[in-house]
Amino acid sequence: MNEEQKNRLPVMIYGQQYKIVGKASSNYMRMVAGYVDERMKQIADSNPRLDTTKIAVLTAVNIADEYFRLKQEYDELLKLIEEEE
């Protein structure tokens, strides 16, 4: 992939600025960063004594859990569709 094909986008996540670089659209990258920011804020609100690193790790664990649950549902749906064919 060429450097020209990559989008570079500054985003704010939990009060820190990051530069995200990727081939996804700027809107998509902004949406992903916003989701992470919102999830970090939710965890921080529920656990006010946690430091930023622990908030980030808990956020990653929660998002990974969401991913694996959705992947399992997706795989089950694919299996059902294949069985009907």
PDB file of N, CA and C in Angstrom:
ATOM      1  N   MET A   1       0.853  -1.180   0.000  1.00  0.00           N
ATOM      2  CA  MET A   1       0.000   0.000   0.000  1.00  0.00           C
ATOM      3  C   MET A   1       0.894   1.236   0.000  1.00  0.00           C
ATOM      4  N   ASN A   2       0.510   2.205  -0.815  1.00  0.00           N
ATOM      5  CA  ASN A   2       1.243   3.457  -0.888  1.00  0.00           C
ATOM      6  C   ASN A   2       0.927   4.329   0.309  1.00  0.00           C
ATOM      7  N   GLU A   3       1.862   5.221   0.630  1.00  0.00           N
ATOM      8  CA  GLU A   3       1.609   6.194   1.688  1.00  0.00           C
ATOM      9  C   GLU A   3       0.437   7.100   1.317  1.00  0.00           C
ATOM     10  N   GLU A   4       0.234   7.343  -0.002  1.00  0.00           N
ATOM     11  CA  GLU A   4      -0.857   8.216  -0.437  1.00  0.00           C
ATOM     12  C   GLU A   4      -2.225   7.618  -0.117  1.00  0.00           C
ATOM     13  N   GLN A   5      -2.322   6.300  -0.019  1.00  0.00           N
ATOM     14  CA  GLN A   5      -3.594   5.644   0.228  1.00  0.00           C
ATOM     15  C   GLN A   5      -3.993   5.680   1.704  1.00  0.00           C
ATOM     16  N   LYS A   6      -3.097   6.046   2.572  1.00  0.00           N
ATOM     17  CA  LYS A   6      -3.387   6.062   4.002  1.00  0.00           C
ATOM     18  C   LYS A   6      -3.974   7.402   4.426  1.00  0.00           C
ATOM     19  N   ASN A   7      -4.973   7.316   5.284  1.00  0.00           N
ATOM     20  CA  ASN A   7      -5.518   8.519   5.896  1.00  0.00           C
ATOM     21  C   ASN A   7      -4.837   8.737   7.231  1.00  0.00           C
ATOM     22  N   ARG A   8      -4.573   9.975   7.549  1.00  0.00           N
ATOM     23  CA  ARG A   8      -3.980  10.347   8.832  1.00  0.00           C
ATOM     24  C   ARG A   8      -4.964  11.278   9.517  1.00  0.00           C
ATOM     25  N   LEU A   9      -5.348  10.895  10.723  1.00  0.00           N
ATOM     26  CA  LEU A   9      -6.402  11.629  11.395  1.00  0.00           C
ATOM     27  C   LEU A   9      -6.057  11.841  12.863  1.00  0.00           C
ATOM     28  N   PRO A  10      -6.002  13.099  13.310  1.00  0.00           N
ATOM     29  CA  PRO A  10      -5.832  13.327  14.747  1.00  0.00           C
ATOM     30  C   PRO A  10      -7.175  13.121  15.448  1.00  0.00           C
ATOM     31  N   VAL A  11      -7.157  12.378  16.546  1.00  0.00           N
ATOM     32  CA  VAL A  11      -8.378  12.116  17.315  1.00  0.00           C
ATOM     33  C   VAL A  11      -8.087  12.308  18.799  1.00  0.00           C
ATOM     34  N   MET A  12      -9.145  12.583  19.552  1.00  0.00           N
ATOM     35  CA  MET A  12      -9.033  12.672  21.007  1.00  0.00           C
ATOM     36  C   MET A  12      -9.702  11.444  21.607  1.00  0.00           C
ATOM     37  N   ILE A  13      -8.949  10.745  22.442  1.00  0.00           N
ATOM     38  CA  ILE A  13      -9.485   9.597  23.166  1.00  0.00           C
ATOM     39  C   ILE A  13      -9.132   9.781  24.628  1.00  0.00           C
ATOM     40  N   TYR A  14     -10.147   9.903  25.444  1.00  0.00           N
ATOM     41  CA  TYR A  14     -10.023  10.068  26.883  1.00  0.00           C
ATOM     42  C   TYR A  14      -9.057  11.203  27.244  1.00  0.00           C
ATOM     43  N   GLY A  15      -9.224  12.315  26.538  1.00  0.00           N
ATOM     44  CA  GLY A  15      -8.460  13.521  26.831  1.00  0.00           C
ATOM     45  C   GLY A  15      -7.048  13.566  26.265  1.00  0.00           C
ATOM     46  N   GLN A  16      -6.671  12.554  25.505  1.00  0.00           N
ATOM     47  CA  GLN A  16      -5.348  12.516  24.891  1.00  0.00           C
ATOM     48  C   GLN A  16      -5.490  12.542  23.378  1.00  0.00           C
ATOM     49  N   GLN A  17      -4.589  13.270  22.720  1.00  0.00           N
ATOM     50  CA  GLN A  17      -4.637  13.306  21.265  1.00  0.00           C
ATOM     51  C   GLN A  17      -3.757  12.204  20.699  1.00  0.00           C
ATOM     52  N   TYR A  18      -4.286  11.515  19.693  1.00  0.00           N
ATOM     53  CA  TYR A  18      -3.566  10.459  18.991  1.00  0.00           C
ATOM     54  C   TYR A  18      -3.689  10.720  17.492  1.00  0.00           C
ATOM     55  N   LYS A  19      -2.705  10.259  16.748  1.00  0.00           N
ATOM     56  CA  LYS A  19      -2.796  10.306  15.290  1.00  0.00           C
ATOM     57  C   LYS A  19      -3.031   8.883  14.815  1.00  0.00           C
ATOM     58  N   ILE A  20      -4.179   8.680  14.197  1.00  0.00           N
ATOM     59  CA  ILE A  20      -4.527   7.373  13.659  1.00  0.00           C
ATOM     60  C   ILE A  20      -4.189   7.374  12.181  1.00  0.00           C
ATOM     61  N   VAL A  21      -3.523   6.322  11.742  1.00  0.00           N
ATOM     62  CA  VAL A  21      -3.142   6.183  10.344  1.00  0.00           C
ATOM     63  C   VAL A  21      -3.702   4.860   9.840  1.00  0.00           C
ATOM     64  N   GLY A  22      -4.422   4.916   8.723  1.00  0.00           N
ATOM     65  CA  GLY A  22      -4.967   3.690   8.159  1.00  0.00           C
ATOM     66  C   GLY A  22      -5.605   3.937   6.812  1.00  0.00           C
ATOM     67  N   LYS A  23      -5.986   2.833   6.166  1.00  0.00           N
ATOM     68  CA  LYS A  23      -6.592   2.980   4.842  1.00  0.00           C
ATOM     69  C   LYS A  23      -8.102   3.148   4.912  1.00  0.00           C
ATOM     70  N   ALA A  24      -8.688   3.012   6.092  1.00  0.00           N
ATOM     71  CA  ALA A  24     -10.127   3.237   6.252  1.00  0.00           C
ATOM     72  C   ALA A  24     -10.437   4.712   6.047  1.00  0.00           C
ATOM     73  N   SER A  25     -11.705   5.004   5.821  1.00  0.00           N
ATOM     74  CA  SER A  25     -12.103   6.398   5.615  1.00  0.00           C
ATOM     75  C   SER A  25     -11.933   7.190   6.915  1.00  0.00           C
ATOM     76  N   SER A  26     -11.787   8.489   6.776  1.00  0.00           N
ATOM     77  CA  SER A  26     -11.662   9.361   7.954  1.00  0.00           C
ATOM     78  C   SER A  26     -12.895   9.265   8.832  1.00  0.00           C
ATOM     79  N   ASN A  27     -14.071   9.181   8.223  1.00  0.00           N
ATOM     80  CA  ASN A  27     -15.308   9.056   8.998  1.00  0.00           C
ATOM     81  C   ASN A  27     -15.314   7.778   9.827  1.00  0.00           C
ATOM     82  N   TYR A  28     -14.874   6.687   9.238  1.00  0.00           N
ATOM     83  CA  TYR A  28     -14.833   5.410   9.949  1.00  0.00           C
ATOM     84  C   TYR A  28     -13.839   5.472  11.107  1.00  0.00           C
ATOM     85  N   MET A  29     -12.658   6.007  10.846  1.00  0.00           N
ATOM     86  CA  MET A  29     -11.647   6.100  11.905  1.00  0.00           C
ATOM     87  C   MET A  29     -12.132   7.000  13.036  1.00  0.00           C
ATOM     88  N   ARG A  30     -12.813   8.082  12.686  1.00  0.00           N
ATOM     89  CA  ARG A  30     -13.378   8.985  13.693  1.00  0.00           C
ATOM     90  C   ARG A  30     -14.440   8.257  14.523  1.00  0.00           C
ATOM     91  N   MET A  31     -15.261   7.438  13.871  1.00  0.00           N
ATOM     92  CA  MET A  31     -16.294   6.677  14.564  1.00  0.00           C
ATOM     93  C   MET A  31     -15.678   5.667  15.538  1.00  0.00           C
ATOM     94  N   VAL A  32     -14.646   4.972  15.104  1.00  0.00           N
ATOM     95  CA  VAL A  32     -13.970   3.993  15.966  1.00  0.00           C
ATOM     96  C   VAL A  32     -13.346   4.693  17.176  1.00  0.00           C
ATOM     97  N   ALA A  33     -12.652   5.792  16.936  1.00  0.00           N
ATOM     98  CA  ALA A  33     -12.035   6.539  18.035  1.00  0.00           C
ATOM     99  C   ALA A  33     -13.106   7.049  19.004  1.00  0.00           C
ATOM    100  N   GLY A  34     -14.213   7.517  18.480  1.00  0.00           N
ATOM    101  CA  GLY A  34     -15.301   7.989  19.322  1.00  0.00           C
ATOM    102  C   GLY A  34     -15.892   6.878  20.166  1.00  0.00           C
ATOM    103  N   TYR A  35     -15.980   5.679  19.600  1.00  0.00           N
ATOM    104  CA  TYR A  35     -16.493   4.535  20.345  1.00  0.00           C
ATOM    105  C   TYR A  35     -15.572   4.182  21.505  1.00  0.00           C
ATOM    106  N   VAL A  36     -14.273   4.138  21.237  1.00  0.00           N
ATOM    107  CA  VAL A  36     -13.297   3.848  22.293  1.00  0.00           C
ATOM    108  C   VAL A  36     -13.347   4.924  23.372  1.00  0.00           C
ATOM    109  N   ASP A  37     -13.417   6.177  22.962  1.00  0.00           N
ATOM    110  CA  ASP A  37     -13.496   7.291  23.908  1.00  0.00           C
ATOM    111  C   ASP A  37     -14.728   7.154  24.805  1.00  0.00           C
ATOM    112  N   GLU A  38     -15.865   6.868  24.204  1.00  0.00           N
ATOM    113  CA  GLU A  38     -17.108   6.733  24.967  1.00  0.00           C
ATOM    114  C   GLU A  38     -17.037   5.562  25.932  1.00  0.00           C
ATOM    115  N   ARG A  39     -16.506   4.439  25.477  1.00  0.00           N
ATOM    116  CA  ARG A  39     -16.399   3.268  26.357  1.00  0.00           C
ATOM    117  C   ARG A  39     -15.450   3.542  27.522  1.00  0.00           C
ATOM    118  N   MET A  40     -14.344   4.245  27.266  1.00  0.00           N
ATOM    119  CA  MET A  40     -13.423   4.585  28.356  1.00  0.00           C
ATOM    120  C   MET A  40     -14.106   5.485  29.377  1.00  0.00           C
ATOM    121  N   LYS A  41     -14.877   6.443  28.896  1.00  0.00           N
ATOM    122  CA  LYS A  41     -15.588   7.340  29.807  1.00  0.00           C
ATOM    123  C   LYS A  41     -16.618   6.585  30.639  1.00  0.00           C
ATOM    124  N   GLN A  42     -17.311   5.629  30.038  1.00  0.00           N
ATOM    125  CA  GLN A  42     -18.289   4.827  30.776  1.00  0.00           C
ATOM    126  C   GLN A  42     -17.615   4.036  31.892  1.00  0.00           C
ATOM    127  N   ILE A  43     -16.492   3.418  31.580  1.00  0.00           N
ATOM    128  CA  ILE A  43     -15.778   2.627  32.586  1.00  0.00           C
ATOM    129  C   ILE A  43     -15.223   3.528  33.681  1.00  0.00           C
ATOM    130  N   ALA A  44     -14.701   4.683  33.299  1.00  0.00           N
ATOM    131  CA  ALA A  44     -14.169   5.626  34.288  1.00  0.00           C
ATOM    132  C   ALA A  44     -15.278   6.123  35.211  1.00  0.00           C
ATOM    133  N   ASP A  45     -16.455   6.393  34.655  1.00  0.00           N
ATOM    134  CA  ASP A  45     -17.583   6.856  35.472  1.00  0.00           C
ATOM    135  C   ASP A  45     -18.018   5.792  36.477  1.00  0.00           C
ATOM    136  N   SER A  46     -17.923   4.527  36.068  1.00  0.00           N
ATOM    137  CA  SER A  46     -18.324   3.434  36.954  1.00  0.00           C
ATOM    138  C   SER A  46     -17.257   3.071  37.977  1.00  0.00           C
ATOM    139  N   ASN A  47     -16.007   3.461  37.691  1.00  0.00           N
ATOM    140  CA  ASN A  47     -14.869   3.099  38.546  1.00  0.00           C
ATOM    141  C   ASN A  47     -13.964   4.313  38.743  1.00  0.00           C
ATOM    142  N   PRO A  48     -14.389   5.295  39.520  1.00  0.00           N
ATOM    143  CA  PRO A  48     -13.651   6.566  39.602  1.00  0.00           C
ATOM    144  C   PRO A  48     -12.239   6.460  40.199  1.00  0.00           C
ATOM    145  N   ARG A  49     -11.910   5.378  40.840  1.00  0.00           N
ATOM    146  CA  ARG A  49     -10.579   5.254  41.454  1.00  0.00           C
ATOM    147  C   ARG A  49      -9.521   4.667  40.515  1.00  0.00           C
ATOM    148  N   LEU A  50      -9.943   4.216  39.344  1.00  0.00           N
ATOM    149  CA  LEU A  50      -8.993   3.595  38.422  1.00  0.00           C
ATOM    150  C   LEU A  50      -8.148   4.637  37.702  1.00  0.00           C
ATOM    151  N   ASP A  51      -6.876   4.290  37.465  1.00  0.00           N
ATOM    152  CA  ASP A  51      -6.020   5.177  36.676  1.00  0.00           C
ATOM    153  C   ASP A  51      -6.259   4.914  35.185  1.00  0.00           C
ATOM    154  N   THR A  52      -5.683   5.761  34.365  1.00  0.00           N
ATOM    155  CA  THR A  52      -5.928   5.700  32.917  1.00  0.00           C
ATOM    156  C   THR A  52      -5.519   4.361  32.309  1.00  0.00           C
ATOM    157  N   THR A  53      -4.415   3.813  32.754  1.00  0.00           N
ATOM    158  CA  THR A  53      -3.958   2.531  32.196  1.00  0.00           C
ATOM    159  C   THR A  53      -4.966   1.432  32.485  1.00  0.00           C
ATOM    160  N   LYS A  54      -5.464   1.382  33.697  1.00  0.00           N
ATOM    161  CA  LYS A  54      -6.441   0.343  34.035  1.00  0.00           C
ATOM    162  C   LYS A  54      -7.755   0.563  33.298  1.00  0.00           C
ATOM    163  N   ILE A  55      -8.138   1.809  33.125  1.00  0.00           N
ATOM    164  CA  ILE A  55      -9.343   2.108  32.345  1.00  0.00           C
ATOM    165  C   ILE A  55      -9.161   1.623  30.908  1.00  0.00           C
ATOM    166  N   ALA A  56      -7.989   1.874  30.334  1.00  0.00           N
ATOM    167  CA  ALA A  56      -7.718   1.453  28.957  1.00  0.00           C
ATOM    168  C   ALA A  56      -7.748  -0.066  28.837  1.00  0.00           C
ATOM    169  N   VAL A  57      -7.152  -0.772  29.798  1.00  0.00           N
ATOM    170  CA  VAL A  57      -7.131  -2.236  29.738  1.00  0.00           C
ATOM    171  C   VAL A  57      -8.545  -2.796  29.903  1.00  0.00           C
ATOM    172  N   LEU A  58      -9.307  -2.272  30.855  1.00  0.00           N
ATOM    173  CA  LEU A  58     -10.686  -2.737  31.026  1.00  0.00           C
ATOM    174  C   LEU A  58     -11.526  -2.446  29.790  1.00  0.00           C
ATOM    175  N   THR A  59     -11.281  -1.318  29.157  1.00  0.00           N
ATOM    176  CA  THR A  59     -11.987  -0.995  27.918  1.00  0.00           C
ATOM    177  C   THR A  59     -11.641  -2.012  26.836  1.00  0.00           C
ATOM    178  N   ALA A  60     -10.359  -2.326  26.708  1.00  0.00           N
ATOM    179  CA  ALA A  60      -9.932  -3.312  25.709  1.00  0.00           C
ATOM    180  C   ALA A  60     -10.563  -4.671  25.988  1.00  0.00           C
ATOM    181  N   VAL A  61     -10.606  -5.075  27.248  1.00  0.00           N
ATOM    182  CA  VAL A  61     -11.205  -6.364  27.600  1.00  0.00           C
ATOM    183  C   VAL A  61     -12.697  -6.365  27.272  1.00  0.00           C
ATOM    184  N   ASN A  62     -13.386  -5.292  27.587  1.00  0.00           N
ATOM    185  CA  ASN A  62     -14.821  -5.200  27.293  1.00  0.00           C
ATOM    186  C   ASN A  62     -15.093  -5.226  25.795  1.00  0.00           C
ATOM    187  N   ILE A  63     -14.292  -4.501  25.027  1.00  0.00           N
ATOM    188  CA  ILE A  63     -14.480  -4.490  23.575  1.00  0.00           C
ATOM    189  C   ILE A  63     -14.142  -5.857  22.976  1.00  0.00           C
ATOM    190  N   ALA A  64     -13.100  -6.522  23.497  1.00  0.00           N
ATOM    191  CA  ALA A  64     -12.759  -7.868  23.026  1.00  0.00           C
ATOM    192  C   ALA A  64     -13.895  -8.839  23.334  1.00  0.00           C
ATOM    193  N   ASP A  65     -14.494  -8.709  24.512  1.00  0.00           N
ATOM    194  CA  ASP A  65     -15.623  -9.548  24.879  1.00  0.00           C
ATOM    195  C   ASP A  65     -16.780  -9.337  23.902  1.00  0.00           C
ATOM    196  N   GLU A  66     -17.091  -8.079  23.593  1.00  0.00           N
ATOM    197  CA  GLU A  66     -18.141  -7.780  22.613  1.00  0.00           C
ATOM    198  C   GLU A  66     -17.834  -8.445  21.276  1.00  0.00           C
ATOM    199  N   TYR A  67     -16.584  -8.320  20.843  1.00  0.00           N
ATOM    200  CA  TYR A  67     -16.172  -8.883  19.562  1.00  0.00           C
ATOM    201  C   TYR A  67     -16.389 -10.397  19.527  1.00  0.00           C
ATOM    202  N   PHE A  68     -15.906 -11.102  20.558  1.00  0.00           N
ATOM    203  CA  PHE A  68     -16.008 -12.558  20.562  1.00  0.00           C
ATOM    204  C   PHE A  68     -17.459 -13.026  20.669  1.00  0.00           C
ATOM    205  N   ARG A  69     -18.282 -12.305  21.417  1.00  0.00           N
ATOM    206  CA  ARG A  69     -19.703 -12.667  21.496  1.00  0.00           C
ATOM    207  C   ARG A  69     -20.383 -12.474  20.137  1.00  0.00           C
ATOM    208  N   LEU A  70     -20.092 -11.352  19.487  1.00  0.00           N
ATOM    209  CA  LEU A  70     -20.674 -11.101  18.166  1.00  0.00           C
ATOM    210  C   LEU A  70     -20.164 -12.091  17.125  1.00  0.00           C
ATOM    211  N   LYS A  71     -18.885 -12.444  17.202  1.00  0.00           N
ATOM    212  CA  LYS A  71     -18.315 -13.421  16.280  1.00  0.00           C
ATOM    213  C   LYS A  71     -18.977 -14.778  16.465  1.00  0.00           C
ATOM    214  N   GLN A  72     -19.204 -15.160  17.717  1.00  0.00           N
ATOM    215  CA  GLN A  72     -19.873 -16.426  17.976  1.00  0.00           C
ATOM    216  C   GLN A  72     -21.291 -16.419  17.403  1.00  0.00           C
ATOM    217  N   GLU A  73     -22.028 -15.325  17.598  1.00  0.00           N
ATOM    218  CA  GLU A  73     -23.379 -15.212  17.031  1.00  0.00           C
ATOM    219  C   GLU A  73     -23.337 -15.283  15.505  1.00  0.00           C
ATOM    220  N   TYR A  74     -22.369 -14.596  14.919  1.00  0.00           N
ATOM    221  CA  TYR A  74     -22.216 -14.584  13.463  1.00  0.00           C
ATOM    222  C   TYR A  74     -21.938 -15.997  12.944  1.00  0.00           C
ATOM    223  N   ASP A  75     -21.011 -16.696  13.601  1.00  0.00           N
ATOM    224  CA  ASP A  75     -20.677 -18.059  13.186  1.00  0.00           C
ATOM    225  C   ASP A  75     -21.878 -18.987  13.308  1.00  0.00           C
ATOM    226  N   GLU A  76     -22.671 -18.817  14.379  1.00  0.00           N
ATOM    227  CA  GLU A  76     -23.879 -19.628  14.551  1.00  0.00           C
ATOM    228  C   GLU A  76     -24.902 -19.338  13.459  1.00  0.00           C
ATOM    229  N   LEU A  77     -25.051 -18.063  13.096  1.00  0.00           N
ATOM    230  CA  LEU A  77     -25.968 -17.704  12.014  1.00  0.00           C
ATOM    231  C   LEU A  77     -25.512 -18.289  10.680  1.00  0.00           C
ATOM    232  N   LEU A  78     -24.214 -18.223  10.412  1.00  0.00           N
ATOM    233  CA  LEU A  78     -23.699 -18.821   9.173  1.00  0.00           C
ATOM    234  C   LEU A  78     -23.982 -20.314   9.125  1.00  0.00           C
ATOM    235  N   LYS A  79     -23.800 -20.970  10.261  1.00  0.00           N
ATOM    236  CA  LYS A  79     -24.053 -22.411  10.326  1.00  0.00           C
ATOM    237  C   LYS A  79     -25.520 -22.707  10.050  1.00  0.00           C
ATOM    238  N   LEU A  80     -26.424 -21.916  10.613  1.00  0.00           N
ATOM    239  CA  LEU A  80     -27.850 -22.102  10.353  1.00  0.00           C
ATOM    240  C   LEU A  80     -28.189 -21.904   8.882  1.00  0.00           C
ATOM    241  N   ILE A  81     -27.602 -20.901   8.280  1.00  0.00           N
ATOM    242  CA  ILE A  81     -27.840 -20.623   6.867  1.00  0.00           C
ATOM    243  C   ILE A  81     -27.342 -21.766   6.000  1.00  0.00           C
ATOM    244  N   GLU A  82     -26.150 -22.283   6.323  1.00  0.00           N
ATOM    245  CA  GLU A  82     -25.595 -23.410   5.567  1.00  0.00           C
ATOM    246  C   GLU A  82     -26.446 -24.654   5.708  1.00  0.00           C
ATOM    247  N   GLU A  83     -27.026 -24.868   6.888  1.00  0.00           N
ATOM    248  CA  GLU A  83     -27.864 -26.053   7.120  1.00  0.00           C
ATOM    249  C   GLU A  83     -29.161 -25.974   6.327  1.00  0.00           C
ATOM    250  N   GLU A  84     -29.647 -24.762   6.083  1.00  0.00           N
ATOM    251  CA  GLU A  84     -30.905 -24.590   5.346  1.00  0.00           C
ATOM    252  C   GLU A  84     -30.716 -24.756   3.846  1.00  0.00           C
ATOM    253  N   GLU A  85     -29.517 -24.629   3.372  1.00  0.00           N
ATOM    254  CA  GLU A  85     -29.275 -24.722   1.919  1.00  0.00           C
ATOM    255  C   GLU A  85     -29.283 -26.134   1.426  1.00  0.00           C
TER     256      GLU A  85
END
